[in-house]
Amino acid sequence: MPATEVIKTNQSERLPKTAVESLARALLPQMRAYFASDEGQAALKQWRAEREQQG
């Protein structure tokens, strides 16, 4: 599945809230560091431009 594809529903299994929170705590520092970097800023700028073109 391409990274840009979004799964709209997952009715097969619910994730416990604690699992989601643990994942978020693990990923958030890395995500913040990436988007604070020059590479992350460029990717965010490109993503925003693509979203604006899509309408």
Protein backbone atom coordinates (compact mmCIF):
# COMPACT_ATOMS: atom_id res chain seq x y z
CA MET A 1 0.00 0.00 0.00
CA PRO A 2 1.42 3.42 -0.93
CA ALA A 3 2.24 5.77 1.92
CA THR A 4 -0.29 8.27 0.59
CA GLU A 5 -3.19 5.79 0.71
CA VAL A 6 -5.44 6.20 3.72
CA ILE A 7 -7.31 3.36 5.35
CA LYS A 8 -10.74 4.80 6.11
CA THR A 9 -12.11 2.11 8.39
CA ASN A 10 -10.77 -0.73 10.47
CA GLN A 11 -13.68 -2.77 11.70
CA SER A 12 -11.73 -5.97 12.22
CA GLU A 13 -9.97 -5.06 15.46
CA ARG A 14 -9.97 -2.14 17.88
CA LEU A 15 -6.70 -0.97 19.39
CA PRO A 16 -6.67 -0.33 23.11
CA LYS A 17 -6.25 3.33 24.02
CA THR A 18 -3.09 2.48 25.96
CA ALA A 19 -1.51 0.95 22.85
CA VAL A 20 -2.26 4.06 20.80
CA GLU A 21 -0.88 6.32 23.53
CA SER A 22 2.28 4.23 23.88
CA LEU A 23 2.88 4.39 20.14
CA ALA A 24 2.33 8.14 20.14
CA ARG A 25 4.79 8.61 23.02
CA ALA A 26 7.39 6.56 21.15
CA LEU A 27 6.97 8.34 17.80
CA LEU A 28 6.33 11.94 18.80
CA PRO A 29 9.92 12.90 19.71
CA GLN A 30 11.21 11.47 16.42
CA MET A 31 8.47 13.20 14.43
CA ARG A 32 9.21 16.54 16.11
CA ALA A 33 12.92 16.19 15.38
CA TYR A 34 12.24 15.32 11.73
CA PHE A 35 9.90 18.25 11.13
CA ALA A 36 12.32 20.61 12.88
CA SER A 37 15.09 19.57 10.46
CA ASP A 38 15.72 21.19 7.08
CA GLU A 39 14.66 17.98 5.33
CA GLY A 40 11.42 17.82 7.31
CA GLN A 41 10.65 21.48 6.66
CA ALA A 42 11.14 20.94 2.90
CA ALA A 43 8.90 17.85 2.95
CA LEU A 44 6.20 19.74 4.86
CA LYS A 45 6.37 22.65 2.41
CA GLN A 46 6.03 20.24 -0.53
CA TRP A 47 3.11 18.42 1.14
CA ARG A 48 1.29 21.71 1.75
CA ALA A 49 1.80 22.80 -1.87
CA GLU A 50 0.41 19.49 -3.13
CA ARG A 51 -2.63 19.82 -0.83
CA GLU A 52 -3.32 23.32 -2.14
CA GLN A 53 -3.20 22.06 -5.74
CA GLN A 54 -5.70 19.31 -4.94
CA GLY A 55 -8.17 21.91 -3.76
